[in-house]
Amino acid sequence: MPALTIKNIPEDLYKALKLTAKQHHRSINSEVIVCLKRALLPARISPEETLNNIQALRSQITPEAITAEDIENAINDGRP
């Protein structure tokens, strides 16, 4: 497995990394790998998961929230 050496890490960044690693019960090396994966290899969401998320959001919307009259008023608002 390849190795990587990082030089000249700012002190505040190192402290934040060390603290985060401790909070997640990981070594600093493991925490760096997790951070790099999150930044460089974002998780892909399947179309089914996207559809489930959309349906969950739609179920929270009440259809009566905006009436046809509200839409017509918004369209005509500001017109002479």
PDB file of N, CA and C in Angstrom:
ATOM      1  N   MET A   1       0.856  -1.175   0.000  1.00  0.00           N
ATOM      2  CA  MET A   1       0.000   0.000   0.000  1.00  0.00           C
ATOM      3  C   MET A   1       0.904   1.241   0.000  1.00  0.00           C
ATOM      4  N   PRO A   2       0.574   2.235  -0.812  1.00  0.00           N
ATOM      5  CA  PRO A   2       1.393   3.448  -0.864  1.00  0.00           C
ATOM      6  C   PRO A   2       1.372   4.202   0.465  1.00  0.00           C
ATOM      7  N   ALA A   3       2.435   4.937   0.687  1.00  0.00           N
ATOM      8  CA  ALA A   3       2.548   5.772   1.888  1.00  0.00           C
ATOM      9  C   ALA A   3       2.632   7.231   1.461  1.00  0.00           C
ATOM     10  N   LEU A   4       2.228   8.116   2.352  1.00  0.00           N
ATOM     11  CA  LEU A   4       2.225   9.545   2.064  1.00  0.00           C
ATOM     12  C   LEU A   4       2.761  10.289   3.269  1.00  0.00           C
ATOM     13  N   THR A   5       3.665  11.223   3.037  1.00  0.00           N
ATOM     14  CA  THR A   5       4.182  12.078   4.098  1.00  0.00           C
ATOM     15  C   THR A   5       3.683  13.486   3.834  1.00  0.00           C
ATOM     16  N   ILE A   6       3.132  14.109   4.854  1.00  0.00           N
ATOM     17  CA  ILE A   6       2.639  15.481   4.719  1.00  0.00           C
ATOM     18  C   ILE A   6       3.517  16.377   5.578  1.00  0.00           C
ATOM     19  N   LYS A   7       4.061  17.409   4.966  1.00  0.00           N
ATOM     20  CA  LYS A   7       4.958  18.324   5.673  1.00  0.00           C
ATOM     21  C   LYS A   7       4.306  19.690   5.842  1.00  0.00           C
ATOM     22  N   ASN A   8       4.806  20.409   6.823  1.00  0.00           N
ATOM     23  CA  ASN A   8       4.404  21.807   7.065  1.00  0.00           C
ATOM     24  C   ASN A   8       2.905  21.973   7.307  1.00  0.00           C
ATOM     25  N   ILE A   9       2.329  21.077   8.102  1.00  0.00           N
ATOM     26  CA  ILE A   9       0.916  21.192   8.469  1.00  0.00           C
ATOM     27  C   ILE A   9       0.783  22.331   9.476  1.00  0.00           C
ATOM     28  N   PRO A  10      -0.112  23.271   9.229  1.00  0.00           N
ATOM     29  CA  PRO A  10      -0.320  24.339  10.214  1.00  0.00           C
ATOM     30  C   PRO A  10      -0.749  23.746  11.560  1.00  0.00           C
ATOM     31  N   GLU A  11      -0.263  24.338  12.618  1.00  0.00           N
ATOM     32  CA  GLU A  11      -0.507  23.833  13.979  1.00  0.00           C
ATOM     33  C   GLU A  11      -1.996  23.715  14.283  1.00  0.00           C
ATOM     34  N   ASP A  12      -2.774  24.729  13.902  1.00  0.00           N
ATOM     35  CA  ASP A  12      -4.214  24.683  14.191  1.00  0.00           C
ATOM     36  C   ASP A  12      -4.912  23.549  13.436  1.00  0.00           C
ATOM     37  N   LEU A  13      -4.484  23.278  12.215  1.00  0.00           N
ATOM     38  CA  LEU A  13      -5.048  22.180  11.443  1.00  0.00           C
ATOM     39  C   LEU A  13      -4.687  20.835  12.072  1.00  0.00           C
ATOM     40  N   TYR A  14      -3.458  20.708  12.518  1.00  0.00           N
ATOM     41  CA  TYR A  14      -3.019  19.473  13.163  1.00  0.00           C
ATOM     42  C   TYR A  14      -3.810  19.230  14.452  1.00  0.00           C
ATOM     43  N   LYS A  15      -4.005  20.283  15.239  1.00  0.00           N
ATOM     44  CA  LYS A  15      -4.766  20.145  16.486  1.00  0.00           C
ATOM     45  C   LYS A  15      -6.210  19.731  16.208  1.00  0.00           C
ATOM     46  N   ALA A  16      -6.804  20.332  15.182  1.00  0.00           N
ATOM     47  CA  ALA A  16      -8.189  19.988  14.830  1.00  0.00           C
ATOM     48  C   ALA A  16      -8.271  18.534  14.357  1.00  0.00           C
ATOM     49  N   LEU A  17      -7.294  18.116  13.581  1.00  0.00           N
ATOM     50  CA  LEU A  17      -7.257  16.736  13.093  1.00  0.00           C
ATOM     51  C   LEU A  17      -7.082  15.763  14.249  1.00  0.00           C
ATOM     52  N   LYS A  18      -6.196  16.101  15.165  1.00  0.00           N
ATOM     53  CA  LYS A  18      -5.940  15.244  16.325  1.00  0.00           C
ATOM     54  C   LYS A  18      -7.195  15.129  17.197  1.00  0.00           C
ATOM     55  N   LEU A  19      -7.882  16.239  17.403  1.00  0.00           N
ATOM     56  CA  LEU A  19      -9.101  16.242  18.213  1.00  0.00           C
ATOM     57  C   LEU A  19     -10.204  15.417  17.544  1.00  0.00           C
ATOM     58  N   THR A  20     -10.387  15.613  16.247  1.00  0.00           N
ATOM     59  CA  THR A  20     -11.401  14.861  15.515  1.00  0.00           C
ATOM     60  C   THR A  20     -11.104  13.370  15.538  1.00  0.00           C
ATOM     61  N   ALA A  21      -9.835  13.011  15.371  1.00  0.00           N
ATOM     62  CA  ALA A  21      -9.445  11.598  15.418  1.00  0.00           C
ATOM     63  C   ALA A  21      -9.778  11.007  16.786  1.00  0.00           C
ATOM     64  N   LYS A  22      -9.508  11.754  17.832  1.00  0.00           N
ATOM     65  CA  LYS A  22      -9.801  11.269  19.182  1.00  0.00           C
ATOM     66  C   LYS A  22     -11.307  11.089  19.381  1.00  0.00           C
ATOM     67  N   GLN A  23     -12.107  12.039  18.880  1.00  0.00           N
ATOM     68  CA  GLN A  23     -13.559  11.960  19.019  1.00  0.00           C
ATOM     69  C   GLN A  23     -14.136  10.753  18.286  1.00  0.00           C
ATOM     70  N   HIS A  24     -13.499  10.358  17.192  1.00  0.00           N
ATOM     71  CA  HIS A  24     -13.972   9.222  16.404  1.00  0.00           C
ATOM     72  C   HIS A  24     -13.252   7.921  16.765  1.00  0.00           C
ATOM     73  N   HIS A  25     -12.413   7.980  17.785  1.00  0.00           N
ATOM     74  CA  HIS A  25     -11.660   6.806  18.245  1.00  0.00           C
ATOM     75  C   HIS A  25     -10.809   6.208  17.115  1.00  0.00           C
ATOM     76  N   ARG A  26     -10.118   7.105  16.394  1.00  0.00           N
ATOM     77  CA  ARG A  26      -9.250   6.690  15.298  1.00  0.00           C
ATOM     78  C   ARG A  26      -7.858   7.260  15.507  1.00  0.00           C
ATOM     79  N   SER A  27      -6.915   6.652  14.819  1.00  0.00           N
ATOM     80  CA  SER A  27      -5.569   7.232  14.793  1.00  0.00           C
ATOM     81  C   SER A  27      -5.607   8.459  13.885  1.00  0.00           C
ATOM     82  N   ILE A  28      -4.613   9.299  13.979  1.00  0.00           N
ATOM     83  CA  ILE A  28      -4.543  10.468  13.102  1.00  0.00           C
ATOM     84  C   ILE A  28      -4.459  10.002  11.644  1.00  0.00           C
ATOM     85  N   ASN A  29      -3.682   8.966  11.395  1.00  0.00           N
ATOM     86  CA  ASN A  29      -3.556   8.436  10.041  1.00  0.00           C
ATOM     87  C   ASN A  29      -4.918   7.996   9.497  1.00  0.00           C
ATOM     88  N   SER A  30      -5.673   7.259  10.290  1.00  0.00           N
ATOM     89  CA  SER A  30      -6.999   6.804   9.852  1.00  0.00           C
ATOM     90  C   SER A  30      -7.940   7.982   9.625  1.00  0.00           C
ATOM     91  N   GLU A  31      -7.846   8.986  10.463  1.00  0.00           N
ATOM     92  CA  GLU A  31      -8.698  10.167  10.312  1.00  0.00           C
ATOM     93  C   GLU A  31      -8.360  10.910   9.020  1.00  0.00           C
ATOM     94  N   VAL A  32      -7.082  11.005   8.687  1.00  0.00           N
ATOM     95  CA  VAL A  32      -6.677  11.650   7.437  1.00  0.00           C
ATOM     96  C   VAL A  32      -7.253  10.887   6.247  1.00  0.00           C
ATOM     97  N   ILE A  33      -7.207   9.568   6.297  1.00  0.00           N
ATOM     98  CA  ILE A  33      -7.741   8.758   5.205  1.00  0.00           C
ATOM     99  C   ILE A  33      -9.246   8.981   5.058  1.00  0.00           C
ATOM    100  N   VAL A  34      -9.966   9.014   6.169  1.00  0.00           N
ATOM    101  CA  VAL A  34     -11.410   9.264   6.125  1.00  0.00           C
ATOM    102  C   VAL A  34     -11.684  10.646   5.518  1.00  0.00           C
ATOM    103  N   CYS A  35     -10.948  11.654   5.940  1.00  0.00           N
ATOM    104  CA  CYS A  35     -11.133  13.018   5.414  1.00  0.00           C
ATOM    105  C   CYS A  35     -10.856  13.074   3.911  1.00  0.00           C
ATOM    106  N   LEU A  36      -9.797  12.410   3.477  1.00  0.00           N
ATOM    107  CA  LEU A  36      -9.466  12.391   2.051  1.00  0.00           C
ATOM    108  C   LEU A  36     -10.537  11.672   1.248  1.00  0.00           C
ATOM    109  N   LYS A  37     -11.030  10.563   1.766  1.00  0.00           N
ATOM    110  CA  LYS A  37     -12.094   9.829   1.066  1.00  0.00           C
ATOM    111  C   LYS A  37     -13.336  10.690   0.920  1.00  0.00           C
ATOM    112  N   ARG A  38     -13.722  11.388   1.996  1.00  0.00           N
ATOM    113  CA  ARG A  38     -14.906  12.246   1.937  1.00  0.00           C
ATOM    114  C   ARG A  38     -14.731  13.348   0.903  1.00  0.00           C
ATOM    115  N   ALA A  39     -13.536  13.910   0.843  1.00  0.00           N
ATOM    116  CA  ALA A  39     -13.296  15.032  -0.059  1.00  0.00           C
ATOM    117  C   ALA A  39     -13.121  14.595  -1.508  1.00  0.00           C
ATOM    118  N   LEU A  40     -12.493  13.453  -1.721  1.00  0.00           N
ATOM    119  CA  LEU A  40     -12.117  13.068  -3.074  1.00  0.00           C
ATOM    120  C   LEU A  40     -12.982  11.968  -3.689  1.00  0.00           C
ATOM    121  N   LEU A  41     -13.638  11.180  -2.853  1.00  0.00           N
ATOM    122  CA  LEU A  41     -14.454  10.077  -3.351  1.00  0.00           C
ATOM    123  C   LEU A  41     -15.863  10.170  -2.784  1.00  0.00           C
ATOM    124  N   PRO A  42     -16.612  11.190  -3.191  1.00  0.00           N
ATOM    125  CA  PRO A  42     -17.960  11.331  -2.631  1.00  0.00           C
ATOM    126  C   PRO A  42     -18.823  10.123  -2.962  1.00  0.00           C
ATOM    127  N   ALA A  43     -19.674   9.774  -2.028  1.00  0.00           N
ATOM    128  CA  ALA A  43     -20.564   8.622  -2.212  1.00  0.00           C
ATOM    129  C   ALA A  43     -21.580   8.930  -3.300  1.00  0.00           C
ATOM    130  N   ARG A  44     -21.790   7.971  -4.165  1.00  0.00           N
ATOM    131  CA  ARG A  44     -22.794   8.134  -5.214  1.00  0.00           C
ATOM    132  C   ARG A  44     -24.135   7.624  -4.679  1.00  0.00           C
ATOM    133  N   ILE A  45     -25.166   8.379  -4.972  1.00  0.00           N
ATOM    134  CA  ILE A  45     -26.498   8.003  -4.525  1.00  0.00           C
ATOM    135  C   ILE A  45     -27.209   7.344  -5.700  1.00  0.00           C
ATOM    136  N   SER A  46     -27.787   6.192  -5.448  1.00  0.00           N
ATOM    137  CA  SER A  46     -28.486   5.459  -6.501  1.00  0.00           C
ATOM    138  C   SER A  46     -29.756   6.219  -6.896  1.00  0.00           C
ATOM    139  N   PRO A  47     -30.226   5.989  -8.123  1.00  0.00           N
ATOM    140  CA  PRO A  47     -31.489   6.632  -8.531  1.00  0.00           C
ATOM    141  C   PRO A  47     -32.650   6.263  -7.616  1.00  0.00           C
ATOM    142  N   GLU A  48     -32.661   5.018  -7.124  1.00  0.00           N
ATOM    143  CA  GLU A  48     -33.737   4.603  -6.224  1.00  0.00           C
ATOM    144  C   GLU A  48     -33.689   5.398  -4.916  1.00  0.00           C
ATOM    145  N   GLU A  49     -32.486   5.618  -4.395  1.00  0.00           N
ATOM    146  CA  GLU A  49     -32.361   6.386  -3.153  1.00  0.00           C
ATOM    147  C   GLU A  49     -32.771   7.838  -3.377  1.00  0.00           C
ATOM    148  N   THR A  50     -32.400   8.394  -4.513  1.00  0.00           N
ATOM    149  CA  THR A  50     -32.802   9.761  -4.843  1.00  0.00           C
ATOM    150  C   THR A  50     -34.323   9.869  -4.915  1.00  0.00           C
ATOM    151  N   LEU A  51     -34.947   8.899  -5.577  1.00  0.00           N
ATOM    152  CA  LEU A  51     -36.406   8.890  -5.684  1.00  0.00           C
ATOM    153  C   LEU A  51     -37.059   8.763  -4.313  1.00  0.00           C
ATOM    154  N   ASN A  52     -36.519   7.906  -3.454  1.00  0.00           N
ATOM    155  CA  ASN A  52     -37.046   7.761  -2.090  1.00  0.00           C
ATOM    156  C   ASN A  52     -36.940   9.067  -1.324  1.00  0.00           C
ATOM    157  N   ASN A  53     -35.818   9.783  -1.487  1.00  0.00           N
ATOM    158  CA  ASN A  53     -35.636  11.076  -0.811  1.00  0.00           C
ATOM    159  C   ASN A  53     -36.648  12.100  -1.311  1.00  0.00           C
ATOM    160  N   ILE A  54     -36.874  12.117  -2.618  1.00  0.00           N
ATOM    161  CA  ILE A  54     -37.850  13.047  -3.194  1.00  0.00           C
ATOM    162  C   ILE A  54     -39.256  12.738  -2.676  1.00  0.00           C
ATOM    163  N   GLN A  55     -39.605  11.465  -2.666  1.00  0.00           N
ATOM    164  CA  GLN A  55     -40.935  11.072  -2.190  1.00  0.00           C
ATOM    165  C   GLN A  55     -41.123  11.410  -0.712  1.00  0.00           C
ATOM    166  N   ALA A  56     -40.063  11.251   0.071  1.00  0.00           N
ATOM    167  CA  ALA A  56     -40.150  11.599   1.494  1.00  0.00           C
ATOM    168  C   ALA A  56     -40.369  13.096   1.666  1.00  0.00           C
ATOM    169  N   LEU A  57     -39.690  13.905   0.859  1.00  0.00           N
ATOM    170  CA  LEU A  57     -39.882  15.355   0.942  1.00  0.00           C
ATOM    171  C   LEU A  57     -41.291  15.743   0.488  1.00  0.00           C
ATOM    172  N   ARG A  58     -41.751  15.132  -0.592  1.00  0.00           N
ATOM    173  CA  ARG A  58     -43.101  15.441  -1.089  1.00  0.00           C
ATOM    174  C   ARG A  58     -44.177  15.100  -0.071  1.00  0.00           C
ATOM    175  N   SER A  59     -43.970  14.037   0.691  1.00  0.00           N
ATOM    176  CA  SER A  59     -44.979  13.640   1.673  1.00  0.00           C
ATOM    177  C   SER A  59     -45.108  14.665   2.796  1.00  0.00           C
ATOM    178  N   GLN A  60     -44.119  15.523   2.941  1.00  0.00           N
ATOM    179  CA  GLN A  60     -44.157  16.543   3.988  1.00  0.00           C
ATOM    180  C   GLN A  60     -44.841  17.831   3.531  1.00  0.00           C
ATOM    181  N   ILE A  61     -45.121  17.929   2.239  1.00  0.00           N
ATOM    182  CA  ILE A  61     -45.739  19.135   1.689  1.00  0.00           C
ATOM    183  C   ILE A  61     -47.250  18.970   1.690  1.00  0.00           C
ATOM    184  N   THR A  62     -47.927  19.975   2.195  1.00  0.00           N
ATOM    185  CA  THR A  62     -49.386  19.932   2.160  1.00  0.00           C
ATOM    186  C   THR A  62     -49.852  20.549   0.843  1.00  0.00           C
ATOM    187  N   PRO A  63     -50.674  19.837   0.089  1.00  0.00           N
ATOM    188  CA  PRO A  63     -51.105  20.346  -1.219  1.00  0.00           C
ATOM    189  C   PRO A  63     -51.891  21.651  -1.131  1.00  0.00           C
ATOM    190  N   GLU A  64     -52.520  21.888   0.001  1.00  0.00           N
ATOM    191  CA  GLU A  64     -53.330  23.090   0.159  1.00  0.00           C
ATOM    192  C   GLU A  64     -52.498  24.315   0.496  1.00  0.00           C
ATOM    193  N   ALA A  65     -51.197  24.169   0.596  1.00  0.00           N
ATOM    194  CA  ALA A  65     -50.346  25.286   1.000  1.00  0.00           C
ATOM    195  C   ALA A  65     -50.410  26.431  -0.003  1.00  0.00           C
ATOM    196  N   ILE A  66     -50.500  26.120  -1.291  1.00  0.00           N
ATOM    197  CA  ILE A  66     -50.592  27.151  -2.326  1.00  0.00           C
ATOM    198  C   ILE A  66     -51.793  26.819  -3.199  1.00  0.00           C
ATOM    199  N   THR A  67     -52.661  27.786  -3.328  1.00  0.00           N
ATOM    200  CA  THR A  67     -53.853  27.576  -4.147  1.00  0.00           C
ATOM    201  C   THR A  67     -53.618  28.104  -5.559  1.00  0.00           C
ATOM    202  N   ALA A  68     -54.513  27.732  -6.457  1.00  0.00           N
ATOM    203  CA  ALA A  68     -54.442  28.243  -7.824  1.00  0.00           C
ATOM    204  C   ALA A  68     -54.573  29.761  -7.825  1.00  0.00           C
ATOM    205  N   GLU A  69     -55.383  30.268  -6.913  1.00  0.00           N
ATOM    206  CA  GLU A  69     -55.553  31.726  -6.804  1.00  0.00           C
ATOM    207  C   GLU A  69     -54.246  32.389  -6.380  1.00  0.00           C
ATOM    208  N   ASP A  70     -53.534  31.771  -5.441  1.00  0.00           N
ATOM    209  CA  ASP A  70     -52.233  32.302  -5.017  1.00  0.00           C
ATOM    210  C   ASP A  70     -51.264  32.372  -6.200  1.00  0.00           C
ATOM    211  N   ILE A  71     -51.265  31.337  -7.020  1.00  0.00           N
ATOM    212  CA  ILE A  71     -50.373  31.296  -8.175  1.00  0.00           C
ATOM    213  C   ILE A  71     -50.756  32.390  -9.176  1.00  0.00           C
ATOM    214  N   GLU A  72     -52.050  32.520  -9.428  1.00  0.00           N
ATOM    215  CA  GLU A  72     -52.510  33.555 -10.368  1.00  0.00           C
ATOM    216  C   GLU A  72     -52.162  34.941  -9.852  1.00  0.00           C
ATOM    217  N   ASN A  73     -52.342  35.182  -8.557  1.00  0.00           N
ATOM    218  CA  ASN A  73     -51.995  36.481  -7.977  1.00  0.00           C
ATOM    219  C   ASN A  73     -50.500  36.752  -8.086  1.00  0.00           C
ATOM    220  N   ALA A  74     -49.693  35.726  -7.884  1.00  0.00           N
ATOM    221  CA  ALA A  74     -48.247  35.899  -7.992  1.00  0.00           C
ATOM    222  C   ALA A  74     -47.844  36.231  -9.425  1.00  0.00           C
ATOM    223  N   ILE A  75     -48.497  35.585 -10.401  1.00  0.00           N
ATOM    224  CA  ILE A  75     -48.202  35.855 -11.800  1.00  0.00           C
ATOM    225  C   ILE A  75     -48.587  37.285 -12.166  1.00  0.00           C
ATOM    226  N   ASN A  76     -49.743  37.703 -11.704  1.00  0.00           N
ATOM    227  CA  ASN A  76     -50.263  39.030 -12.063  1.00  0.00           C
ATOM    228  C   ASN A  76     -49.692  40.150 -11.208  1.00  0.00           C
ATOM    229  N   ASP A  77     -49.045  39.830 -10.131  1.00  0.00           N
ATOM    230  CA  ASP A  77     -48.517  40.856  -9.233  1.00  0.00           C
ATOM    231  C   ASP A  77     -47.515  41.742  -9.980  1.00  0.00           C
ATOM    232  N   GLY A  78     -47.761  43.037  -9.952  1.00  0.00           N
ATOM    233  CA  GLY A  78     -46.842  43.967 -10.570  1.00  0.00           C
ATOM    234  C   GLY A  78     -47.163  44.262 -12.032  1.00  0.00           C
ATOM    235  N   ARG A  79     -48.120  43.551 -12.604  1.00  0.00           N
ATOM    236  CA  ARG A  79     -48.494  43.818 -13.997  1.00  0.00           C
ATOM    237  C   ARG A  79     -49.510  44.952 -14.029  1.00  0.00           C
ATOM    238  N   PRO A  80     -49.462  45.779 -15.081  1.00  0.00           N
ATOM    239  CA  PRO A  80     -50.430  46.901 -15.180  1.00  0.00           C
ATOM    240  C   PRO A  80     -51.827  46.427 -15.495  1.00  0.00           C
TER     241      PRO A  80
END
